[in-house]
Amino acid sequence: MVQKITNPADLLALQKKAQADIELRSGQKDMRITVHMGTCGIAAGARDVLAYFVTELSRAQVQSVSLQRSGCAGLCDQEPMITLADKAGNEFRYGKMDKDKVREIVDAHVVAGSPVTKYLIQT
């Protein structure tokens, strides 16, 4: 349901949220999460995964991560899929993502720095 703006404070709150959403997708950060959104990824639920990351990063109050989208990564059987890159240049590919996996990855890998090996794609 859409919340109506009834006063200037509501408008400022909406502006602040919009700015935070834009900041999440831009700027140099300690970590980058890329949601692969080729045709196969979108069909498998990548749009939902992107939305889950926005929600979970906000919940965990993480501001040192940029969230991006890309095309197909060539592993269609692992979609929806993400690539998490840390500031040291290490890349971690997670496959068959869903809401619960997103929450676990945000809490364990993004916040605590410990990759969730059971969801990593072995290439």
PDB file of N, CA and C in Angstrom:
ATOM      1  N   MET A   1       0.841  -1.176   0.000  1.00  0.00           N
ATOM      2  CA  MET A   1       0.000   0.000   0.000  1.00  0.00           C
ATOM      3  C   MET A   1       0.886   1.240   0.000  1.00  0.00           C
ATOM      4  N   VAL A   2       0.524   2.199  -0.790  1.00  0.00           N
ATOM      5  CA  VAL A   2       1.270   3.444  -0.897  1.00  0.00           C
ATOM      6  C   VAL A   2       0.883   4.357   0.257  1.00  0.00           C
ATOM      7  N   GLN A   3       1.909   4.888   0.914  1.00  0.00           N
ATOM      8  CA  GLN A   3       1.667   5.808   2.025  1.00  0.00           C
ATOM      9  C   GLN A   3       1.523   7.218   1.478  1.00  0.00           C
ATOM     10  N   LYS A   4       0.471   7.902   1.886  1.00  0.00           N
ATOM     11  CA  LYS A   4       0.242   9.269   1.424  1.00  0.00           C
ATOM     12  C   LYS A   4       1.143  10.234   2.172  1.00  0.00           C
ATOM     13  N   ILE A   5       1.577  11.252   1.452  1.00  0.00           N
ATOM     14  CA  ILE A   5       2.373  12.318   2.054  1.00  0.00           C
ATOM     15  C   ILE A   5       1.392  13.366   2.568  1.00  0.00           C
ATOM     16  N   THR A   6       1.409  13.567   3.889  1.00  0.00           N
ATOM     17  CA  THR A   6       0.436  14.488   4.488  1.00  0.00           C
ATOM     18  C   THR A   6       1.073  15.724   5.097  1.00  0.00           C
ATOM     19  N   ASN A   7       2.406  15.746   5.165  1.00  0.00           N
ATOM     20  CA  ASN A   7       3.075  16.908   5.752  1.00  0.00           C
ATOM     21  C   ASN A   7       4.528  16.948   5.259  1.00  0.00           C
ATOM     22  N   PRO A   8       5.223  18.043   5.520  1.00  0.00           N
ATOM     23  CA  PRO A   8       6.617  18.160   5.058  1.00  0.00           C
ATOM     24  C   PRO A   8       7.542  17.087   5.633  1.00  0.00           C
ATOM     25  N   ALA A   9       7.288  16.626   6.835  1.00  0.00           N
ATOM     26  CA  ALA A   9       8.139  15.589   7.434  1.00  0.00           C
ATOM     27  C   ALA A   9       8.046  14.288   6.643  1.00  0.00           C
ATOM     28  N   ASP A  10       6.851  13.950   6.148  1.00  0.00           N
ATOM     29  CA  ASP A  10       6.676  12.753   5.321  1.00  0.00           C
ATOM     30  C   ASP A  10       7.485  12.869   4.030  1.00  0.00           C
ATOM     31  N   LEU A  11       7.463  14.058   3.436  1.00  0.00           N
ATOM     32  CA  LEU A  11       8.207  14.295   2.207  1.00  0.00           C
ATOM     33  C   LEU A  11       9.714  14.184   2.433  1.00  0.00           C
ATOM     34  N   LEU A  12      10.194  14.726   3.532  1.00  0.00           N
ATOM     35  CA  LEU A  12      11.622  14.629   3.858  1.00  0.00           C
ATOM     36  C   LEU A  12      12.035  13.182   4.113  1.00  0.00           C
ATOM     37  N   ALA A  13      11.175  12.416   4.781  1.00  0.00           N
ATOM     38  CA  ALA A  13      11.471  11.002   5.034  1.00  0.00           C
ATOM     39  C   ALA A  13      11.548  10.229   3.718  1.00  0.00           C
ATOM     40  N   LEU A  14      10.640  10.533   2.794  1.00  0.00           N
ATOM     41  CA  LEU A  14      10.655   9.886   1.484  1.00  0.00           C
ATOM     42  C   LEU A  14      11.914  10.257   0.716  1.00  0.00           C
ATOM     43  N   GLN A  15      12.317  11.516   0.792  1.00  0.00           N
ATOM     44  CA  GLN A  15      13.538  11.972   0.133  1.00  0.00           C
ATOM     45  C   GLN A  15      14.763  11.256   0.703  1.00  0.00           C
ATOM     46  N   LYS A  16      14.817  11.127   2.019  1.00  0.00           N
ATOM     47  CA  LYS A  16      15.954  10.466   2.671  1.00  0.00           C
ATOM     48  C   LYS A  16      16.051   9.004   2.242  1.00  0.00           C
ATOM     49  N   LYS A  17      14.905   8.314   2.170  1.00  0.00           N
ATOM     50  CA  LYS A  17      14.898   6.915   1.740  1.00  0.00           C
ATOM     51  C   LYS A  17      15.349   6.798   0.288  1.00  0.00           C
ATOM     52  N   ALA A  18      14.889   7.683  -0.572  1.00  0.00           N
ATOM     53  CA  ALA A  18      15.279   7.650  -1.982  1.00  0.00           C
ATOM     54  C   ALA A  18      16.779   7.894  -2.136  1.00  0.00           C
ATOM     55  N   GLN A  19      17.329   8.831  -1.370  1.00  0.00           N
ATOM     56  CA  GLN A  19      18.760   9.100  -1.426  1.00  0.00           C
ATOM     57  C   GLN A  19      19.561   7.889  -0.951  1.00  0.00           C
ATOM     58  N   ALA A  20      19.079   7.213   0.086  1.00  0.00           N
ATOM     59  CA  ALA A  20      19.765   6.017   0.589  1.00  0.00           C
ATOM     60  C   ALA A  20      19.744   4.908  -0.459  1.00  0.00           C
ATOM     61  N   ASP A  21      18.609   4.755  -1.173  1.00  0.00           N
ATOM     62  CA  ASP A  21      18.516   3.736  -2.219  1.00  0.00           C
ATOM     63  C   ASP A  21      19.473   4.039  -3.365  1.00  0.00           C
ATOM     64  N   ILE A  22      19.620   5.300  -3.735  1.00  0.00           N
ATOM     65  CA  ILE A  22      20.548   5.688  -4.795  1.00  0.00           C
ATOM     66  C   ILE A  22      21.987   5.444  -4.348  1.00  0.00           C
ATOM     67  N   GLU A  23      22.307   5.800  -3.123  1.00  0.00           N
ATOM     68  CA  GLU A  23      23.656   5.618  -2.583  1.00  0.00           C
ATOM     69  C   GLU A  23      24.033   4.147  -2.546  1.00  0.00           C
ATOM     70  N   LEU A  24      23.054   3.280  -2.326  1.00  0.00           N
ATOM     71  CA  LEU A  24      23.303   1.840  -2.277  1.00  0.00           C
ATOM     72  C   LEU A  24      23.825   1.329  -3.615  1.00  0.00           C
ATOM     73  N   ARG A  25      23.440   1.977  -4.706  1.00  0.00           N
ATOM     74  CA  ARG A  25      23.830   1.521  -6.039  1.00  0.00           C
ATOM     75  C   ARG A  25      25.017   2.266  -6.619  1.00  0.00           C
ATOM     76  N   SER A  26      25.582   3.200  -5.900  1.00  0.00           N
ATOM     77  CA  SER A  26      26.667   3.986  -6.479  1.00  0.00           C
ATOM     78  C   SER A  26      27.769   4.235  -5.465  1.00  0.00           C
ATOM     79  N   GLY A  27      28.844   4.782  -5.949  1.00  0.00           N
ATOM     80  CA  GLY A  27      29.941   5.141  -5.060  1.00  0.00           C
ATOM     81  C   GLY A  27      30.884   3.986  -4.790  1.00  0.00           C
ATOM     82  N   GLN A  28      32.073   4.320  -4.329  1.00  0.00           N
ATOM     83  CA  GLN A  28      33.089   3.329  -3.989  1.00  0.00           C
ATOM     84  C   GLN A  28      32.814   2.795  -2.592  1.00  0.00           C
ATOM     85  N   LYS A  29      32.738   1.497  -2.468  1.00  0.00           N
ATOM     86  CA  LYS A  29      32.406   0.861  -1.194  1.00  0.00           C
ATOM     87  C   LYS A  29      33.406  -0.246  -0.888  1.00  0.00           C
ATOM     88  N   ASP A  30      33.317  -0.796   0.317  1.00  0.00           N
ATOM     89  CA  ASP A  30      34.193  -1.891   0.726  1.00  0.00           C
ATOM     90  C   ASP A  30      33.828  -3.208   0.046  1.00  0.00           C
ATOM     91  N   MET A  31      32.586  -3.330  -0.369  1.00  0.00           N
ATOM     92  CA  MET A  31      32.114  -4.578  -0.943  1.00  0.00           C
ATOM     93  C   MET A  31      31.111  -4.256  -2.054  1.00  0.00           C
ATOM     94  N   ARG A  32      31.072  -5.123  -3.084  1.00  0.00           N
ATOM     95  CA  ARG A  32      30.122  -4.949  -4.175  1.00  0.00           C
ATOM     96  C   ARG A  32      29.343  -6.251  -4.354  1.00  0.00           C
ATOM     97  N   ILE A  33      28.030  -6.138  -4.374  1.00  0.00           N
ATOM     98  CA  ILE A  33      27.176  -7.289  -4.652  1.00  0.00           C
ATOM     99  C   ILE A  33      26.529  -7.058  -6.000  1.00  0.00           C
ATOM    100  N   THR A  34      26.732  -8.017  -6.902  1.00  0.00           N
ATOM    101  CA  THR A  34      26.145  -7.933  -8.235  1.00  0.00           C
ATOM    102  C   THR A  34      25.099  -9.029  -8.375  1.00  0.00           C
ATOM    103  N   VAL A  35      23.886  -8.639  -8.685  1.00  0.00           N
ATOM    104  CA  VAL A  35      22.813  -9.596  -8.946  1.00  0.00           C
ATOM    105  C   VAL A  35      22.761  -9.785 -10.454  1.00  0.00           C
ATOM    106  N   HIS A  36      22.937 -11.020 -10.906  1.00  0.00           N
ATOM    107  CA  HIS A  36      22.966 -11.321 -12.335  1.00  0.00           C
ATOM    108  C   HIS A  36      21.525 -11.394 -12.845  1.00  0.00           C
ATOM    109  N   MET A  37      21.236 -10.496 -13.810  1.00  0.00           N
ATOM    110  CA  MET A  37      19.859 -10.351 -14.256  1.00  0.00           C
ATOM    111  C   MET A  37      19.728 -10.495 -15.761  1.00  0.00           C
ATOM    112  N   GLY A  38      20.332 -11.563 -16.289  1.00  0.00           N
ATOM    113  CA  GLY A  38      20.055 -11.917 -17.678  1.00  0.00           C
ATOM    114  C   GLY A  38      18.646 -12.494 -17.738  1.00  0.00           C
ATOM    115  N   THR A  39      18.234 -12.894 -18.910  1.00  0.00           N
ATOM    116  CA  THR A  39      16.887 -13.443 -19.072  1.00  0.00           C
ATOM    117  C   THR A  39      16.648 -14.631 -18.150  1.00  0.00           C
ATOM    118  N   CYS A  40      17.634 -15.509 -18.065  1.00  0.00           N
ATOM    119  CA  CYS A  40      17.471 -16.693 -17.220  1.00  0.00           C
ATOM    120  C   CYS A  40      17.410 -16.305 -15.738  1.00  0.00           C
ATOM    121  N   GLY A  41      18.198 -15.325 -15.338  1.00  0.00           N
ATOM    122  CA  GLY A  41      18.182 -14.872 -13.949  1.00  0.00           C
ATOM    123  C   GLY A  41      16.861 -14.241 -13.574  1.00  0.00           C
ATOM    124  N   ILE A  42      16.345 -13.397 -14.454  1.00  0.00           N
ATOM    125  CA  ILE A  42      15.060 -12.748 -14.185  1.00  0.00           C
ATOM    126  C   ILE A  42      13.955 -13.800 -14.097  1.00  0.00           C
ATOM    127  N   ALA A  43      13.976 -14.762 -15.017  1.00  0.00           N
ATOM    128  CA  ALA A  43      12.960 -15.821 -15.002  1.00  0.00           C
ATOM    129  C   ALA A  43      13.039 -16.653 -13.727  1.00  0.00           C
ATOM    130  N   ALA A  44      14.234 -16.781 -13.165  1.00  0.00           N
ATOM    131  CA  ALA A  44      14.420 -17.584 -11.952  1.00  0.00           C
ATOM    132  C   ALA A  44      14.165 -16.799 -10.671  1.00  0.00           C
ATOM    133  N   GLY A  45      13.969 -15.469 -10.766  1.00  0.00           N
ATOM    134  CA  GLY A  45      13.643 -14.692  -9.575  1.00  0.00           C
ATOM    135  C   GLY A  45      14.669 -13.661  -9.160  1.00  0.00           C
ATOM    136  N   ALA A  46      15.537 -13.235 -10.067  1.00  0.00           N
ATOM    137  CA  ALA A  46      16.598 -12.283  -9.710  1.00  0.00           C
ATOM    138  C   ALA A  46      16.047 -10.933  -9.255  1.00  0.00           C
ATOM    139  N   ARG A  47      14.908 -10.503  -9.788  1.00  0.00           N
ATOM    140  CA  ARG A  47      14.327  -9.231  -9.331  1.00  0.00           C
ATOM    141  C   ARG A  47      13.979  -9.300  -7.850  1.00  0.00           C
ATOM    142  N   ASP A  48      13.415 -10.420  -7.437  1.00  0.00           N
ATOM    143  CA  ASP A  48      13.090 -10.594  -6.016  1.00  0.00           C
ATOM    144  C   ASP A  48      14.360 -10.613  -5.171  1.00  0.00           C
ATOM    145  N   VAL A  49      15.399 -11.272  -5.657  1.00  0.00           N
ATOM    146  CA  VAL A  49      16.671 -11.332  -4.929  1.00  0.00           C
ATOM    147  C   VAL A  49      17.246  -9.932  -4.750  1.00  0.00           C
ATOM    148  N   LEU A  50      17.184  -9.108  -5.778  1.00  0.00           N
ATOM    149  CA  LEU A  50      17.655  -7.731  -5.677  1.00  0.00           C
ATOM    150  C   LEU A  50      16.870  -6.983  -4.602  1.00  0.00           C
ATOM    151  N   ALA A  51      15.560  -7.138  -4.598  1.00  0.00           N
ATOM    152  CA  ALA A  51      14.720  -6.488  -3.581  1.00  0.00           C
ATOM    153  C   ALA A  51      15.042  -7.012  -2.184  1.00  0.00           C
ATOM    154  N   TYR A  52      15.293  -8.318  -2.057  1.00  0.00           N
ATOM    155  CA  TYR A  52      15.653  -8.888  -0.751  1.00  0.00           C
ATOM    156  C   TYR A  52      16.949  -8.270  -0.241  1.00  0.00           C
ATOM    157  N   PHE A  53      17.920  -8.084  -1.130  1.00  0.00           N
ATOM    158  CA  PHE A  53      19.188  -7.480  -0.701  1.00  0.00           C
ATOM    159  C   PHE A  53      18.983  -6.046  -0.225  1.00  0.00           C
ATOM    160  N   VAL A  54      18.179  -5.288  -0.929  1.00  0.00           N
ATOM    161  CA  VAL A  54      17.897  -3.915  -0.496  1.00  0.00           C
ATOM    162  C   VAL A  54      17.312  -3.934   0.918  1.00  0.00           C
ATOM    163  N   THR A  55      16.348  -4.799   1.136  1.00  0.00           N
ATOM    164  CA  THR A  55      15.697  -4.905   2.448  1.00  0.00           C
ATOM    165  C   THR A  55      16.663  -5.357   3.532  1.00  0.00           C
ATOM    166  N   GLU A  56      17.432  -6.402   3.253  1.00  0.00           N
ATOM    167  CA  GLU A  56      18.326  -6.971   4.269  1.00  0.00           C
ATOM    168  C   GLU A  56      19.509  -6.056   4.579  1.00  0.00           C
ATOM    169  N   LEU A  57      20.059  -5.396   3.578  1.00  0.00           N
ATOM    170  CA  LEU A  57      21.158  -4.460   3.837  1.00  0.00           C
ATOM    171  C   LEU A  57      20.670  -3.287   4.680  1.00  0.00           C
ATOM    172  N   SER A  58      19.455  -2.855   4.427  1.00  0.00           N
ATOM    173  CA  SER A  58      18.863  -1.783   5.228  1.00  0.00           C
ATOM    174  C   SER A  58      18.626  -2.249   6.659  1.00  0.00           C
ATOM    175  N   ARG A  59      18.086  -3.463   6.800  1.00  0.00           N
ATOM    176  CA  ARG A  59      17.823  -4.022   8.133  1.00  0.00           C
ATOM    177  C   ARG A  59      19.101  -4.116   8.958  1.00  0.00           C
ATOM    178  N   ALA A  60      20.185  -4.548   8.300  1.00  0.00           N
ATOM    179  CA  ALA A  60      21.462  -4.725   8.987  1.00  0.00           C
ATOM    180  C   ALA A  60      22.240  -3.408   9.103  1.00  0.00           C
ATOM    181  N   GLN A  61      21.679  -2.346   8.562  1.00  0.00           N
ATOM    182  CA  GLN A  61      22.288  -1.014   8.588  1.00  0.00           C
ATOM    183  C   GLN A  61      23.688  -1.011   7.974  1.00  0.00           C
ATOM    184  N   VAL A  62      23.810  -1.726   6.860  1.00  0.00           N
ATOM    185  CA  VAL A  62      25.073  -1.814   6.128  1.00  0.00           C
ATOM    186  C   VAL A  62      25.130  -0.675   5.125  1.00  0.00           C
ATOM    187  N   GLN A  63      26.194   0.105   5.181  1.00  0.00           N
ATOM    188  CA  GLN A  63      26.344   1.220   4.259  1.00  0.00           C
ATOM    189  C   GLN A  63      27.620   1.111   3.422  1.00  0.00           C
ATOM    190  N   SER A  64      28.426   0.100   3.663  1.00  0.00           N
ATOM    191  CA  SER A  64      29.704  -0.035   2.972  1.00  0.00           C
ATOM    192  C   SER A  64      29.634  -0.991   1.789  1.00  0.00           C
ATOM    193  N   VAL A  65      28.421  -1.216   1.253  1.00  0.00           N
ATOM    194  CA  VAL A  65      28.220  -2.152   0.151  1.00  0.00           C
ATOM    195  C   VAL A  65      27.481  -1.449  -0.978  1.00  0.00           C
ATOM    196  N   SER A  66      27.956  -1.666  -2.209  1.00  0.00           N
ATOM    197  CA  SER A  66      27.182  -1.196  -3.358  1.00  0.00           C
ATOM    198  C   SER A  66      26.460  -2.399  -3.951  1.00  0.00           C
ATOM    199  N   LEU A  67      25.253  -2.170  -4.385  1.00  0.00           N
ATOM    200  CA  LEU A  67      24.413  -3.221  -4.950  1.00  0.00           C
ATOM    201  C   LEU A  67      24.193  -2.894  -6.418  1.00  0.00           C
ATOM    202  N   GLN A  68      24.579  -3.833  -7.292  1.00  0.00           N
ATOM    203  CA  GLN A  68      24.521  -3.589  -8.730  1.00  0.00           C
ATOM    204  C   GLN A  68      23.818  -4.720  -9.447  1.00  0.00           C
ATOM    205  N   ARG A  69      23.487  -4.463 -10.704  1.00  0.00           N
ATOM    206  CA  ARG A  69      22.891  -5.478 -11.572  1.00  0.00           C
ATOM    207  C   ARG A  69      23.814  -5.698 -12.758  1.00  0.00           C
ATOM    208  N   SER A  70      23.776  -6.908 -13.298  1.00  0.00           N
ATOM    209  CA  SER A  70      24.527  -7.191 -14.523  1.00  0.00           C
ATOM    210  C   SER A  70      23.730  -8.172 -15.364  1.00  0.00           C
ATOM    211  N   GLY A  71      24.257  -8.491 -16.505  1.00  0.00           N
ATOM    212  CA  GLY A  71      23.621  -9.465 -17.384  1.00  0.00           C
ATOM    213  C   GLY A  71      23.971 -10.884 -16.970  1.00  0.00           C
ATOM    214  N   CYS A  72      23.793 -11.779 -17.888  1.00  0.00           N
ATOM    215  CA  CYS A  72      24.005 -13.202 -17.660  1.00  0.00           C
ATOM    216  C   CYS A  72      25.472 -13.501 -17.346  1.00  0.00           C
ATOM    217  N   ALA A  73      25.690 -14.406 -16.408  1.00  0.00           N
ATOM    218  CA  ALA A  73      27.049 -14.818 -16.054  1.00  0.00           C
ATOM    219  C   ALA A  73      27.385 -16.189 -16.648  1.00  0.00           C
ATOM    220  N   GLY A  74      26.445 -16.788 -17.382  1.00  0.00           N
ATOM    221  CA  GLY A  74      26.715 -18.040 -18.076  1.00  0.00           C
ATOM    222  C   GLY A  74      26.483 -19.305 -17.275  1.00  0.00           C
ATOM    223  N   LEU A  75      25.917 -19.182 -16.107  1.00  0.00           N
ATOM    224  CA  LEU A  75      25.644 -20.368 -15.281  1.00  0.00           C
ATOM    225  C   LEU A  75      24.140 -20.453 -15.017  1.00  0.00           C
ATOM    226  N   CYS A  76      23.386 -20.656 -16.075  1.00  0.00           N
ATOM    227  CA  CYS A  76      21.925 -20.590 -16.002  1.00  0.00           C
ATOM    228  C   CYS A  76      21.327 -21.549 -14.983  1.00  0.00           C
ATOM    229  N   ASP A  77      21.945 -22.689 -14.778  1.00  0.00           N
ATOM    230  CA  ASP A  77      21.397 -23.658 -13.828  1.00  0.00           C
ATOM    231  C   ASP A  77      21.578 -23.213 -12.378  1.00  0.00           C
ATOM    232  N   GLN A  78      22.331 -22.144 -12.142  1.00  0.00           N
ATOM    233  CA  GLN A  78      22.561 -21.642 -10.780  1.00  0.00           C
ATOM    234  C   GLN A  78      21.743 -20.381 -10.475  1.00  0.00           C
ATOM    235  N   GLU A  79      20.931 -19.925 -11.415  1.00  0.00           N
ATOM    236  CA  GLU A  79      20.150 -18.709 -11.220  1.00  0.00           C
ATOM    237  C   GLU A  79      19.012 -18.929 -10.222  1.00  0.00           C
ATOM    238  N   PRO A  80      18.621 -17.874  -9.530  1.00  0.00           N
ATOM    239  CA  PRO A  80      19.224 -16.556  -9.472  1.00  0.00           C
ATOM    240  C   PRO A  80      20.577 -16.606  -8.751  1.00  0.00           C
ATOM    241  N   MET A  81      21.503 -15.794  -9.253  1.00  0.00           N
ATOM    242  CA  MET A  81      22.882 -15.872  -8.802  1.00  0.00           C
ATOM    243  C   MET A  81      23.420 -14.474  -8.515  1.00  0.00           C
ATOM    244  N   ILE A  82      24.359 -14.400  -7.553  1.00  0.00           N
ATOM    245  CA  ILE A  82      25.025 -13.138  -7.240  1.00  0.00           C
ATOM    246  C   ILE A  82      26.529 -13.350  -7.218  1.00  0.00           C
ATOM    247  N   THR A  83      27.250 -12.264  -7.407  1.00  0.00           N
ATOM    248  CA  THR A  83      28.689 -12.253  -7.196  1.00  0.00           C
ATOM    249  C   THR A  83      28.978 -11.198  -6.147  1.00  0.00           C
ATOM    250  N   LEU A  84      29.669 -11.586  -5.111  1.00  0.00           N
ATOM    251  CA  LEU A  84      30.058 -10.671  -4.039  1.00  0.00           C
ATOM    252  C   LEU A  84      31.560 -10.462  -4.154  1.00  0.00           C
ATOM    253  N   ALA A  85      31.987  -9.213  -4.301  1.00  0.00           N
ATOM    254  CA  ALA A  85      33.409  -8.886  -4.414  1.00  0.00           C
ATOM    255  C   ALA A  85      33.812  -8.012  -3.237  1.00  0.00           C
ATOM    256  N   ASP A  86      34.896  -8.401  -2.546  1.00  0.00           N
ATOM    257  CA  ASP A  86      35.355  -7.598  -1.411  1.00  0.00           C
ATOM    258  C   ASP A  86      36.419  -6.608  -1.877  1.00  0.00           C
ATOM    259  N   LYS A  87      36.859  -5.734  -0.972  1.00  0.00           N
ATOM    260  CA  LYS A  87      37.802  -4.687  -1.376  1.00  0.00           C
ATOM    261  C   LYS A  87      39.185  -5.239  -1.709  1.00  0.00           C
ATOM    262  N   ALA A  88      39.489  -6.479  -1.314  1.00  0.00           N
ATOM    263  CA  ALA A  88      40.751  -7.113  -1.669  1.00  0.00           C
ATOM    264  C   ALA A  88      40.706  -7.716  -3.071  1.00  0.00           C
ATOM    265  N   GLY A  89      39.530  -7.688  -3.708  1.00  0.00           N
ATOM    266  CA  GLY A  89      39.395  -8.230  -5.053  1.00  0.00           C
ATOM    267  C   GLY A  89      38.941  -9.674  -5.106  1.00  0.00           C
ATOM    268  N   ASN A  90      38.668 -10.280  -3.975  1.00  0.00           N
ATOM    269  CA  ASN A  90      38.169 -11.651  -3.951  1.00  0.00           C
ATOM    270  C   ASN A  90      36.715 -11.674  -4.396  1.00  0.00           C
ATOM    271  N   GLU A  91      36.364 -12.650  -5.236  1.00  0.00           N
ATOM    272  CA  GLU A  91      34.985 -12.789  -5.693  1.00  0.00           C
ATOM    273  C   GLU A  91      34.403 -14.097  -5.196  1.00  0.00           C
ATOM    274  N   PHE A  92      33.151 -14.011  -4.781  1.00  0.00           N
ATOM    275  CA  PHE A  92      32.410 -15.159  -4.277  1.00  0.00           C
ATOM    276  C   PHE A  92      31.111 -15.230  -5.059  1.00  0.00           C
ATOM    277  N   ARG A  93      30.842 -16.372  -5.698  1.00  0.00           N
ATOM    278  CA  ARG A  93      29.594 -16.542  -6.453  1.00  0.00           C
ATOM    279  C   ARG A  93      28.665 -17.451  -5.675  1.00  0.00           C
ATOM    280  N   TYR A  94      27.490 -16.916  -5.446  1.00  0.00           N
ATOM    281  CA  TYR A  94      26.445 -17.657  -4.734  1.00  0.00           C
ATOM    282  C   TYR A  94      25.320 -17.966  -5.706  1.00  0.00           C
ATOM    283  N   GLY A  95      24.803 -19.191  -5.675  1.00  0.00           N
ATOM    284  CA  GLY A  95      23.756 -19.596  -6.607  1.00  0.00           C
ATOM    285  C   GLY A  95      22.482 -20.030  -5.939  1.00  0.00           C
ATOM    286  N   LYS A  96      21.453 -20.105  -6.786  1.00  0.00           N
ATOM    287  CA  LYS A  96      20.116 -20.530  -6.377  1.00  0.00           C
ATOM    288  C   LYS A  96      19.630 -19.737  -5.166  1.00  0.00           C
ATOM    289  N   MET A  97      19.738 -18.417  -5.301  1.00  0.00           N
ATOM    290  CA  MET A  97      19.429 -17.510  -4.197  1.00  0.00           C
ATOM    291  C   MET A  97      17.932 -17.437  -3.916  1.00  0.00           C
ATOM    292  N   ASP A  98      17.617 -17.247  -2.646  1.00  0.00           N
ATOM    293  CA  ASP A  98      16.248 -16.988  -2.208  1.00  0.00           C
ATOM    294  C   ASP A  98      16.298 -16.058  -1.003  1.00  0.00           C
ATOM    295  N   LYS A  99      15.155 -15.742  -0.463  1.00  0.00           N
ATOM    296  CA  LYS A  99      15.073 -14.766   0.629  1.00  0.00           C
ATOM    297  C   LYS A  99      15.899 -15.195   1.845  1.00  0.00           C
ATOM    298  N   ASP A 100      15.809 -16.457   2.232  1.00  0.00           N
ATOM    299  CA  ASP A 100      16.532 -16.936   3.414  1.00  0.00           C
ATOM    300  C   ASP A 100      18.046 -16.917   3.199  1.00  0.00           C
ATOM    301  N   LYS A 101      18.493 -17.282   2.003  1.00  0.00           N
ATOM    302  CA  LYS A 101      19.921 -17.262   1.703  1.00  0.00           C
ATOM    303  C   LYS A 101      20.454 -15.831   1.706  1.00  0.00           C
ATOM    304  N   VAL A 102      19.663 -14.906   1.180  1.00  0.00           N
ATOM    305  CA  VAL A 102      20.080 -13.499   1.182  1.00  0.00           C
ATOM    306  C   VAL A 102      20.307 -13.022   2.610  1.00  0.00           C
ATOM    307  N   ARG A 103      19.380 -13.309   3.504  1.00  0.00           N
ATOM    308  CA  ARG A 103      19.516 -12.886   4.898  1.00  0.00           C
ATOM    309  C   ARG A 103      20.765 -13.502   5.529  1.00  0.00           C
ATOM    310  N   GLU A 104      20.979 -14.780   5.284  1.00  0.00           N
ATOM    311  CA  GLU A 104      22.146 -15.461   5.861  1.00  0.00           C
ATOM    312  C   GLU A 104      23.455 -14.888   5.308  1.00  0.00           C
ATOM    313  N   ILE A 105      23.500 -14.594   4.015  1.00  0.00           N
ATOM    314  CA  ILE A 105      24.708 -14.035   3.409  1.00  0.00           C
ATOM    315  C   ILE A 105      24.972 -12.631   3.935  1.00  0.00           C
ATOM    316  N   VAL A 106      23.929 -11.822   4.078  1.00  0.00           N
ATOM    317  CA  VAL A 106      24.120 -10.476   4.632  1.00  0.00           C
ATOM    318  C   VAL A 106      24.666 -10.571   6.052  1.00  0.00           C
ATOM    319  N   ASP A 107      24.057 -11.411   6.884  1.00  0.00           N
ATOM    320  CA  ASP A 107      24.491 -11.510   8.282  1.00  0.00           C
ATOM    321  C   ASP A 107      25.881 -12.113   8.434  1.00  0.00           C
ATOM    322  N   ALA A 108      26.152 -13.211   7.710  1.00  0.00           N
ATOM    323  CA  ALA A 108      27.419 -13.923   7.891  1.00  0.00           C
ATOM    324  C   ALA A 108      28.559 -13.322   7.059  1.00  0.00           C
ATOM    325  N   HIS A 109      28.327 -13.105   5.780  1.00  0.00           N
ATOM    326  CA  HIS A 109      29.420 -12.676   4.905  1.00  0.00           C
ATOM    327  C   HIS A 109      29.597 -11.159   4.902  1.00  0.00           C
ATOM    328  N   VAL A 110      28.516 -10.435   4.669  1.00  0.00           N
ATOM    329  CA  VAL A 110      28.630  -8.980   4.557  1.00  0.00           C
ATOM    330  C   VAL A 110      28.969  -8.353   5.904  1.00  0.00           C
ATOM    331  N   VAL A 111      28.241  -8.717   6.946  1.00  0.00           N
ATOM    332  CA  VAL A 111      28.438  -8.094   8.259  1.00  0.00           C
ATOM    333  C   VAL A 111      29.613  -8.713   9.010  1.00  0.00           C
ATOM    334  N   ALA A 112      29.660 -10.056   9.076  1.00  0.00           N
ATOM    335  CA  ALA A 112      30.674 -10.733   9.886  1.00  0.00           C
ATOM    336  C   ALA A 112      31.940 -11.111   9.117  1.00  0.00           C
ATOM    337  N   GLY A 113      31.903 -11.031   7.770  1.00  0.00           N
ATOM    338  CA  GLY A 113      33.096 -11.318   6.986  1.00  0.00           C
ATOM    339  C   GLY A 113      33.400 -12.784   6.765  1.00  0.00           C
ATOM    340  N   SER A 114      32.428 -13.651   6.999  1.00  0.00           N
ATOM    341  CA  SER A 114      32.644 -15.084   6.849  1.00  0.00           C
ATOM    342  C   SER A 114      31.782 -15.634   5.712  1.00  0.00           C
ATOM    343  N   PRO A 115      32.394 -16.018   4.580  1.00  0.00           N
ATOM    344  CA  PRO A 115      31.602 -16.542   3.460  1.00  0.00           C
ATOM    345  C   PRO A 115      30.748 -17.740   3.874  1.00  0.00           C
ATOM    346  N   VAL A 116      29.582 -17.841   3.272  1.00  0.00           N
ATOM    347  CA  VAL A 116      28.667 -18.952   3.539  1.00  0.00           C
ATOM    348  C   VAL A 116      28.972 -20.024   2.489  1.00  0.00           C
ATOM    349  N   THR A 117      29.887 -20.917   2.821  1.00  0.00           N
ATOM    350  CA  THR A 117      30.429 -21.868   1.841  1.00  0.00           C
ATOM    351  C   THR A 117      29.381 -22.820   1.278  1.00  0.00           C
ATOM    352  N   LYS A 118      28.343 -23.132   2.034  1.00  0.00           N
ATOM    353  CA  LYS A 118      27.355 -24.091   1.546  1.00  0.00           C
ATOM    354  C   LYS A 118      26.556 -23.561   0.358  1.00  0.00           C
ATOM    355  N   TYR A 119      26.568 -22.251   0.106  1.00  0.00           N
ATOM    356  CA  TYR A 119      25.843 -21.669  -1.020  1.00  0.00           C
ATOM    357  C   TYR A 119      26.769 -21.242  -2.162  1.00  0.00           C
ATOM    358  N   LEU A 120      28.072 -21.371  -1.970  1.00  0.00           N
ATOM    359  CA  LEU A 120      29.021 -20.962  -3.007  1.00  0.00           C
ATOM    360  C   LEU A 120      28.960 -21.907  -4.199  1.00  0.00           C
ATOM    361  N   ILE A 121      29.091 -21.348  -5.385  1.00  0.00           N
ATOM    362  CA  ILE A 121      29.122 -22.148  -6.622  1.00  0.00           C
ATOM    363  C   ILE A 121      30.557 -22.611  -6.822  1.00  0.00           C
ATOM    364  N   GLN A 122      30.725 -23.884  -7.001  1.00  0.00           N
ATOM    365  CA  GLN A 122      32.046 -24.468  -7.250  1.00  0.00           C
ATOM    366  C   GLN A 122      32.273 -24.498  -8.753  1.00  0.00           C
ATOM    367  N   THR A 123      33.239 -23.691  -9.231  1.00  0.00           N
ATOM    368  CA  THR A 123      33.518 -23.665 -10.668  1.00  0.00           C
ATOM    369  C   THR A 123      34.880 -24.211 -10.974  1.00  0.00           C
TER     370      THR A 123
END
